[in-house]
PDB file of N, CA and C in Angstrom:
ATOM      1  N   MET A   1       7.260 -10.106   5.796  1.00  0.00           N
ATOM      2  CA  MET A   1       6.037 -10.097   5.009  1.00  0.00           C
ATOM      3  C   MET A   1       6.375  -9.714   3.575  1.00  0.00           C
ATOM      4  N   THR A   2       5.805 -10.437   2.641  1.00  0.00           N
ATOM      5  CA  THR A   2       5.947 -10.090   1.231  1.00  0.00           C
ATOM      6  C   THR A   2       4.615  -9.512   0.755  1.00  0.00           C
ATOM      7  N   ILE A   3       4.695  -8.345   0.165  1.00  0.00           N
ATOM      8  CA  ILE A   3       3.520  -7.641  -0.331  1.00  0.00           C
ATOM      9  C   ILE A   3       3.189  -8.143  -1.736  1.00  0.00           C
ATOM     10  N   THR A   4       1.899  -8.356  -1.993  1.00  0.00           N
ATOM     11  CA  THR A   4       1.414  -8.662  -3.334  1.00  0.00           C
ATOM     12  C   THR A   4       0.283  -7.692  -3.645  1.00  0.00           C
ATOM     13  N   LYS A   5      -0.215  -7.743  -4.856  1.00  0.00           N
ATOM     14  CA  LYS A   5      -1.324  -6.856  -5.229  1.00  0.00           C
ATOM     15  C   LYS A   5      -2.587  -7.191  -4.451  1.00  0.00           C
ATOM     16  N   ASP A   6      -2.631  -8.369  -3.837  1.00  0.00           N
ATOM     17  CA  ASP A   6      -3.789  -8.798  -3.067  1.00  0.00           C
ATOM     18  C   ASP A   6      -3.668  -8.520  -1.567  1.00  0.00           C
ATOM     19  N   THR A   7      -2.558  -7.911  -1.152  1.00  0.00           N
ATOM     20  CA  THR A   7      -2.362  -7.603   0.258  1.00  0.00           C
ATOM     21  C   THR A   7      -3.294  -6.456   0.664  1.00  0.00           C
ATOM     22  N   ILE A   8      -3.886  -6.585   1.842  1.00  0.00           N
ATOM     23  CA  ILE A   8      -4.791  -5.570   2.370  1.00  0.00           C
ATOM     24  C   ILE A   8      -3.972  -4.393   2.907  1.00  0.00           C
ATOM     25  N   ILE A   9      -4.372  -3.192   2.533  1.00  0.00           N
ATOM     26  CA  ILE A   9      -3.623  -1.991   2.915  1.00  0.00           C
ATOM     27  C   ILE A   9      -3.520  -1.844   4.431  1.00  0.00           C
ATOM     28  N   GLY A  10      -4.598  -2.110   5.147  1.00  0.00           N
ATOM     29  CA  GLY A  10      -4.558  -2.006   6.601  1.00  0.00           C
ATOM     30  C   GLY A  10      -3.525  -2.926   7.228  1.00  0.00           C
ATOM     31  N   ASP A  11      -3.330  -4.112   6.638  1.00  0.00           N
ATOM     32  CA  ASP A  11      -2.320  -5.042   7.148  1.00  0.00           C
ATOM     33  C   ASP A  11      -0.920  -4.466   6.989  1.00  0.00           C
ATOM     34  N   ILE A  12      -0.683  -3.809   5.864  1.00  0.00           N
ATOM     35  CA  ILE A  12       0.629  -3.199   5.623  1.00  0.00           C
ATOM     36  C   ILE A  12       0.870  -2.077   6.622  1.00  0.00           C
ATOM     37  N   LEU A  13      -0.131  -1.223   6.801  1.00  0.00           N
ATOM     38  CA  LEU A  13       0.013  -0.095   7.721  1.00  0.00           C
ATOM     39  C   LEU A  13       0.195  -0.561   9.159  1.00  0.00           C
ATOM     40  N   ASP A  14      -0.450  -1.655   9.531  1.00  0.00           N
ATOM     41  CA  ASP A  14      -0.288  -2.186  10.887  1.00  0.00           C
ATOM     42  C   ASP A  14       1.123  -2.713  11.121  1.00  0.00           C
ATOM     43  N   ILE A  15       1.740  -3.244  10.077  1.00  0.00           N
ATOM     44  CA  ILE A  15       3.092  -3.794  10.196  1.00  0.00           C
ATOM     45  C   ILE A  15       4.150  -2.689  10.187  1.00  0.00           C
ATOM     46  N   ASP A  16       3.951  -1.683   9.313  1.00  0.00           N
ATOM     47  CA  ASP A  16       4.974  -0.643   9.162  1.00  0.00           C
ATOM     48  C   ASP A  16       4.335   0.659   8.674  1.00  0.00           C
ATOM     49  N   ARG A  17       4.110   1.565   9.594  1.00  0.00           N
ATOM     50  CA  ARG A  17       3.468   2.843   9.252  1.00  0.00           C
ATOM     51  C   ARG A  17       4.384   3.743   8.422  1.00  0.00           C
ATOM     52  N   THR A  18       5.669   3.414   8.349  1.00  0.00           N
ATOM     53  CA  THR A  18       6.563   4.231   7.533  1.00  0.00           C
ATOM     54  C   THR A  18       6.337   4.003   6.040  1.00  0.00           C
ATOM     55  N   THR A  19       5.410   3.113   5.686  1.00  0.00           N
ATOM     56  CA  THR A  19       5.054   2.896   4.277  1.00  0.00           C
ATOM     57  C   THR A  19       4.040   3.940   3.795  1.00  0.00           C
ATOM     58  N   ILE A  20       3.495   4.726   4.709  1.00  0.00           N
ATOM     59  CA  ILE A  20       2.459   5.709   4.349  1.00  0.00           C
ATOM     60  C   ILE A  20       2.860   6.600   3.182  1.00  0.00           C
ATOM     61  N   PRO A  21       4.079   7.143   3.128  1.00  0.00           N
ATOM     62  CA  PRO A  21       4.431   8.019   2.004  1.00  0.00           C
ATOM     63  C   PRO A  21       4.259   7.378   0.627  1.00  0.00           C
ATOM     64  N   TYR A  22       4.416   6.070   0.526  1.00  0.00           N
ATOM     65  CA  TYR A  22       4.256   5.401  -0.771  1.00  0.00           C
ATOM     66  C   TYR A  22       2.797   5.430  -1.228  1.00  0.00           C
ATOM     67  N   PHE A  23       1.888   5.330  -0.283  1.00  0.00           N
ATOM     68  CA  PHE A  23       0.465   5.424  -0.627  1.00  0.00           C
ATOM     69  C   PHE A  23       0.096   6.867  -0.980  1.00  0.00           C
ATOM     70  N   LEU A  24       0.627   7.804  -0.228  1.00  0.00           N
ATOM     71  CA  LEU A  24       0.357   9.216  -0.514  1.00  0.00           C
ATOM     72  C   LEU A  24       0.904   9.596  -1.885  1.00  0.00           C
ATOM     73  N   GLU A  25       2.068   9.080  -2.219  1.00  0.00           N
ATOM     74  CA  GLU A  25       2.721   9.352  -3.501  1.00  0.00           C
ATOM     75  C   GLU A  25       1.859   8.915  -4.685  1.00  0.00           C
ATOM     76  N   MET A  26       1.097   7.829  -4.508  1.00  0.00           N
ATOM     77  CA  MET A  26       0.258   7.352  -5.611  1.00  0.00           C
ATOM     78  C   MET A  26      -1.123   7.991  -5.606  1.00  0.00           C
ATOM     79  N   GLY A  27      -1.344   8.961  -4.705  1.00  0.00           N
ATOM     80  CA  GLY A  27      -2.600   9.702  -4.691  1.00  0.00           C
ATOM     81  C   GLY A  27      -3.614   9.203  -3.691  1.00  0.00           C
ATOM     82  N   MET A  28      -3.228   8.263  -2.853  1.00  0.00           N
ATOM     83  CA  MET A  28      -4.155   7.725  -1.862  1.00  0.00           C
ATOM     84  C   MET A  28      -3.999   8.496  -0.561  1.00  0.00           C
ATOM     85  N   HIS A  29      -4.833   9.516  -0.410  1.00  0.00           N
ATOM     86  CA  HIS A  29      -4.743  10.394   0.757  1.00  0.00           C
ATOM     87  C   HIS A  29      -5.788  10.062   1.810  1.00  0.00           C
ATOM     88  N   CYS A  30      -6.499   8.973   1.649  1.00  0.00           N
ATOM     89  CA  CYS A  30      -7.604   8.620   2.552  1.00  0.00           C
ATOM     90  C   CYS A  30      -7.248   7.423   3.428  1.00  0.00           C
ATOM     91  N   LEU A  31      -6.027   7.346   3.886  1.00  0.00           N
ATOM     92  CA  LEU A  31      -5.574   6.173   4.635  1.00  0.00           C
ATOM     93  C   LEU A  31      -6.267   6.000   5.983  1.00  0.00           C
ATOM     94  N   GLY A  32      -6.829   7.059   6.514  1.00  0.00           N
ATOM     95  CA  GLY A  32      -7.540   6.958   7.782  1.00  0.00           C
ATOM     96  C   GLY A  32      -8.955   6.427   7.628  1.00  0.00           C
ATOM     97  N   CYS A  33      -9.439   6.362   6.422  1.00  0.00           N
ATOM     98  CA  CYS A  33     -10.796   5.898   6.146  1.00  0.00           C
ATOM     99  C   CYS A  33     -10.865   4.384   6.321  1.00  0.00           C
ATOM    100  N   PRO A  34     -11.842   3.887   7.082  1.00  0.00           N
ATOM    101  CA  PRO A  34     -11.942   2.431   7.268  1.00  0.00           C
ATOM    102  C   PRO A  34     -12.068   1.662   5.949  1.00  0.00           C
ATOM    103  N   ALA A  35     -12.740   2.228   4.981  1.00  0.00           N
ATOM    104  CA  ALA A  35     -12.901   1.531   3.698  1.00  0.00           C
ATOM    105  C   ALA A  35     -11.560   1.348   3.002  1.00  0.00           C
ATOM    106  N   SER A  36     -10.714   2.364   3.024  1.00  0.00           N
ATOM    107  CA  SER A  36      -9.430   2.255   2.333  1.00  0.00           C
ATOM    108  C   SER A  36      -8.526   1.232   3.007  1.00  0.00           C
ATOM    109  N   ARG A  37      -8.602   1.118   4.320  1.00  0.00           N
ATOM    110  CA  ARG A  37      -7.774   0.140   5.039  1.00  0.00           C
ATOM    111  C   ARG A  37      -8.162  -1.290   4.683  1.00  0.00           C
ATOM    112  N   GLY A  38      -9.393  -1.501   4.223  1.00  0.00           N
ATOM    113  CA  GLY A  38      -9.856  -2.837   3.885  1.00  0.00           C
ATOM    114  C   GLY A  38      -9.646  -3.220   2.439  1.00  0.00           C
ATOM    115  N   GLU A  39      -9.149  -2.284   1.647  1.00  0.00           N
ATOM    116  CA  GLU A  39      -8.916  -2.557   0.224  1.00  0.00           C
ATOM    117  C   GLU A  39      -7.581  -3.268   0.009  1.00  0.00           C
ATOM    118  N   THR A  40      -7.524  -4.009  -1.079  1.00  0.00           N
ATOM    119  CA  THR A  40      -6.239  -4.563  -1.494  1.00  0.00           C
ATOM    120  C   THR A  40      -5.474  -3.464  -2.232  1.00  0.00           C
ATOM    121  N   ILE A  41      -4.197  -3.675  -2.419  1.00  0.00           N
ATOM    122  CA  ILE A  41      -3.403  -2.722  -3.191  1.00  0.00           C
ATOM    123  C   ILE A  41      -3.973  -2.599  -4.601  1.00  0.00           C
ATOM    124  N   GLU A  42      -4.332  -3.727  -5.186  1.00  0.00           N
ATOM    125  CA  GLU A  42      -4.869  -3.710  -6.549  1.00  0.00           C
ATOM    126  C   GLU A  42      -6.158  -2.889  -6.630  1.00  0.00           C
ATOM    127  N   GLU A  43      -7.034  -3.045  -5.662  1.00  0.00           N
ATOM    128  CA  GLU A  43      -8.289  -2.291  -5.657  1.00  0.00           C
ATOM    129  C   GLU A  43      -8.032  -0.793  -5.523  1.00  0.00           C
ATOM    130  N   ALA A  44      -7.159  -0.427  -4.607  1.00  0.00           N
ATOM    131  CA  ALA A  44      -6.849   0.988  -4.397  1.00  0.00           C
ATOM    132  C   ALA A  44      -6.203   1.598  -5.633  1.00  0.00           C
ATOM    133  N   CYS A  45      -5.298   0.880  -6.243  1.00  0.00           N
ATOM    134  CA  CYS A  45      -4.632   1.389  -7.440  1.00  0.00           C
ATOM    135  C   CYS A  45      -5.625   1.555  -8.586  1.00  0.00           C
ATOM    136  N   ALA A  46      -6.566   0.634  -8.710  1.00  0.00           N
ATOM    137  CA  ALA A  46      -7.575   0.734  -9.767  1.00  0.00           C
ATOM    138  C   ALA A  46      -8.415   1.995  -9.577  1.00  0.00           C
ATOM    139  N   VAL A  47      -8.805   2.275  -8.337  1.00  0.00           N
ATOM    140  CA  VAL A  47      -9.610   3.465  -8.039  1.00  0.00           C
ATOM    141  C   VAL A  47      -8.840   4.738  -8.377  1.00  0.00           C
ATOM    142  N   HIS A  48      -7.541   4.713  -8.139  1.00  0.00           N
ATOM    143  CA  HIS A  48      -6.712   5.898  -8.355  1.00  0.00           C
ATOM    144  C   HIS A  48      -6.036   5.914  -9.723  1.00  0.00           C
ATOM    145  N   GLY A  49      -6.341   4.922 -10.562  1.00  0.00           N
ATOM    146  CA  GLY A  49      -5.807   4.904 -11.917  1.00  0.00           C
ATOM    147  C   GLY A  49      -4.305   4.708 -11.996  1.00  0.00           C
ATOM    148  N   VAL A  50      -3.768   3.888 -11.094  1.00  0.00           N
ATOM    149  CA  VAL A  50      -2.326   3.658 -11.041  1.00  0.00           C
ATOM    150  C   VAL A  50      -2.054   2.157 -11.197  1.00  0.00           C
ATOM    151  N   ASP A  51      -0.918   1.828 -11.788  1.00  0.00           N
ATOM    152  CA  ASP A  51      -0.489   0.436 -11.908  1.00  0.00           C
ATOM    153  C   ASP A  51      -0.004  -0.046 -10.541  1.00  0.00           C
ATOM    154  N   ALA A  52      -0.506  -1.180 -10.090  1.00  0.00           N
ATOM    155  CA  ALA A  52      -0.152  -1.716  -8.775  1.00  0.00           C
ATOM    156  C   ALA A  52       1.290  -2.216  -8.709  1.00  0.00           C
ATOM    157  N   GLY A  53       1.851  -2.638  -9.829  1.00  0.00           N
ATOM    158  CA  GLY A  53       3.192  -3.232  -9.838  1.00  0.00           C
ATOM    159  C   GLY A  53       4.277  -2.378  -9.205  1.00  0.00           C
ATOM    160  N   PRO A  54       4.422  -1.123  -9.628  1.00  0.00           N
ATOM    161  CA  PRO A  54       5.479  -0.300  -9.033  1.00  0.00           C
ATOM    162  C   PRO A  54       5.284  -0.058  -7.532  1.00  0.00           C
ATOM    163  N   LEU A  55       4.044   0.103  -7.090  1.00  0.00           N
ATOM    164  CA  LEU A  55       3.795   0.304  -5.660  1.00  0.00           C
ATOM    165  C   LEU A  55       4.169  -0.945  -4.877  1.00  0.00           C
ATOM    166  N   VAL A  56       3.781  -2.108  -5.367  1.00  0.00           N
ATOM    167  CA  VAL A  56       4.128  -3.369  -4.709  1.00  0.00           C
ATOM    168  C   VAL A  56       5.644  -3.494  -4.590  1.00  0.00           C
ATOM    169  N   GLN A  57       6.358  -3.168  -5.656  1.00  0.00           N
ATOM    170  CA  GLN A  57       7.823  -3.256  -5.635  1.00  0.00           C
ATOM    171  C   GLN A  57       8.423  -2.290  -4.608  1.00  0.00           C
ATOM    172  N   LYS A  58       7.940  -1.049  -4.593  1.00  0.00           N
ATOM    173  CA  LYS A  58       8.454  -0.067  -3.633  1.00  0.00           C
ATOM    174  C   LYS A  58       8.210  -0.514  -2.199  1.00  0.00           C
ATOM    175  N   LEU A  59       7.016  -1.029  -1.945  1.00  0.00           N
ATOM    176  CA  LEU A  59       6.699  -1.476  -0.590  1.00  0.00           C
ATOM    177  C   LEU A  59       7.584  -2.650  -0.171  1.00  0.00           C
ATOM    178  N   ASN A  60       7.773  -3.618  -1.050  1.00  0.00           N
ATOM    179  CA  ASN A  60       8.637  -4.755  -0.725  1.00  0.00           C
ATOM    180  C   ASN A  60      10.078  -4.314  -0.514  1.00  0.00           C
ATOM    181  N   ASP A  61      10.572  -3.416  -1.371  1.00  0.00           N
ATOM    182  CA  ASP A  61      11.938  -2.906  -1.204  1.00  0.00           C
ATOM    183  C   ASP A  61      12.083  -2.206   0.148  1.00  0.00           C
ATOM    184  N   HIS A  62      11.091  -1.397   0.499  1.00  0.00           N
ATOM    185  CA  HIS A  62      11.115  -0.656   1.758  1.00  0.00           C
ATOM    186  C   HIS A  62      11.117  -1.614   2.957  1.00  0.00           C
ATOM    187  N   LEU A  63      10.228  -2.597   2.924  1.00  0.00           N
ATOM    188  CA  LEU A  63      10.145  -3.534   4.044  1.00  0.00           C
ATOM    189  C   LEU A  63      11.406  -4.374   4.191  1.00  0.00           C
ATOM    190  N   GLN A  64      12.000  -4.774   3.072  1.00  0.00           N
ATOM    191  CA  GLN A  64      13.235  -5.559   3.131  1.00  0.00           C
ATOM    192  C   GLN A  64      14.393  -4.719   3.670  1.00  0.00           C
ATOM    193  N   ALA A  65      14.429  -3.454   3.298  1.00  0.00           N
ATOM    194  CA  ALA A  65      15.507  -2.575   3.746  1.00  0.00           C
ATOM    195  C   ALA A  65      15.391  -2.276   5.238  1.00  0.00           C
ATOM    196  N   ASN A  66      14.182  -2.365   5.772  1.00  0.00           N
ATOM    197  CA  ASN A  66      13.962  -2.034   7.185  1.00  0.00           C
ATOM    198  C   ASN A  66      13.813  -3.260   8.081  1.00  0.00           C
ATOM    199  N   ASP A  67      14.132  -4.434   7.563  1.00  0.00           N
ATOM    200  CA  ASP A  67      14.066  -5.657   8.377  1.00  0.00           C
ATOM    201  C   ASP A  67      15.163  -5.704   9.400  1.00  0.00           C
TER     202      ASP A  67
END
């Protein structure tokens, strides 16, 4: 799976729960909330005032390293 800014957070968590620390690192501590699982990375980053680009890169690097 390749992550983009339009990828739904719940889809990422369903594929690999070891990505959770990257969301926590950017200030997203509400991962258990149904609303947050339905957001795209871009939407979540906008709410938390963070640039989506670095998070997308970290997630893709992590997933590729764990393939």
